[in-house]
């Protein structure tokens, strides 16, 4: 997978990066299909 990212053939779409405290809201957004792409949960500040 890393090779595909390096080649530019894999382009992951990141919708937003959120702190761990906002995980419940992020999960609801995913369940409600309100997101296009990935949501990254930041574990530490």
C-alpha atoms as a PDB file:
ATOM      1  CA  UNK A   1       0.000   0.000   0.000  1.00  0.00           C
ATOM      2  CA  UNK A   2       2.859   2.384   0.781  1.00  0.00           C
ATOM      3  CA  UNK A   3       4.228   1.828  -2.722  1.00  0.00           C
ATOM      4  CA  UNK A   4       0.878   2.858  -4.201  1.00  0.00           C
ATOM      5  CA  UNK A   5       0.865   6.060  -2.138  1.00  0.00           C
ATOM      6  CA  UNK A   6       4.449   6.793  -3.203  1.00  0.00           C
ATOM      7  CA  UNK A   7       3.540   6.202  -6.866  1.00  0.00           C
ATOM      8  CA  UNK A   8       0.453   8.376  -6.525  1.00  0.00           C
ATOM      9  CA  UNK A   9      -1.931   5.590  -7.520  1.00  0.00           C
ATOM     10  CA  UNK A  10      -3.555   5.542  -4.077  1.00  0.00           C
ATOM     11  CA  UNK A  11      -4.907   8.840  -2.844  1.00  0.00           C
ATOM     12  CA  UNK A  12      -6.746   8.441   0.470  1.00  0.00           C
ATOM     13  CA  UNK A  13      -9.334  11.140   1.046  1.00  0.00           C
ATOM     14  CA  UNK A  14      -9.246  12.547   4.555  1.00  0.00           C
ATOM     15  CA  UNK A  15     -12.393  14.388   5.521  1.00  0.00           C
ATOM     16  CA  UNK A  16     -11.165  15.698   8.875  1.00  0.00           C
ATOM     17  CA  UNK A  17      -8.829  15.115  11.818  1.00  0.00           C
ATOM     18  CA  UNK A  18     -10.484  15.216  15.222  1.00  0.00           C
ATOM     19  CA  UNK A  19      -9.377  14.828  18.836  1.00  0.00           C
ATOM     20  CA  UNK A  20     -10.377  11.687  20.720  1.00  0.00           C
ATOM     21  CA  UNK A  21     -13.008  13.657  22.634  1.00  0.00           C
ATOM     22  CA  UNK A  22     -14.999  14.108  19.407  1.00  0.00           C
ATOM     23  CA  UNK A  23     -15.047  10.398  18.568  1.00  0.00           C
ATOM     24  CA  UNK A  24     -18.800   9.951  19.317  1.00  0.00           C
ATOM     25  CA  UNK A  25     -19.718  12.775  16.936  1.00  0.00           C
ATOM     26  CA  UNK A  26     -17.378  11.395  14.281  1.00  0.00           C
ATOM     27  CA  UNK A  27     -18.921   7.955  14.597  1.00  0.00           C
ATOM     28  CA  UNK A  28     -22.407   9.427  14.192  1.00  0.00           C
ATOM     29  CA  UNK A  29     -21.268  11.247  11.050  1.00  0.00           C
ATOM     30  CA  UNK A  30     -19.970   7.981   9.610  1.00  0.00           C
ATOM     31  CA  UNK A  31     -23.131   6.086  10.530  1.00  0.00           C
ATOM     32  CA  UNK A  32     -25.270   8.804   8.965  1.00  0.00           C
ATOM     33  CA  UNK A  33     -23.151   8.752   5.799  1.00  0.00           C
ATOM     34  CA  UNK A  34     -22.459  12.465   6.158  1.00  0.00           C
ATOM     35  CA  UNK A  35     -18.761  12.007   5.403  1.00  0.00           C
ATOM     36  CA  UNK A  36     -16.883  11.587   2.148  1.00  0.00           C
ATOM     37  CA  UNK A  37     -13.480  10.165   2.970  1.00  0.00           C
ATOM     38  CA  UNK A  38     -11.822   9.137   6.200  1.00  0.00           C
ATOM     39  CA  UNK A  39     -12.022  10.617   9.647  1.00  0.00           C
ATOM     40  CA  UNK A  40      -8.755  10.516  11.557  1.00  0.00           C
ATOM     41  CA  UNK A  41      -8.982  10.406  15.364  1.00  0.00           C
ATOM     42  CA  UNK A  42      -6.009  12.037  17.042  1.00  0.00           C
ATOM     43  CA  UNK A  43      -5.148  10.052  20.178  1.00  0.00           C
ATOM     44  CA  UNK A  44      -2.935  12.718  21.780  1.00  0.00           C
ATOM     45  CA  UNK A  45      -2.786  16.494  21.711  1.00  0.00           C
END
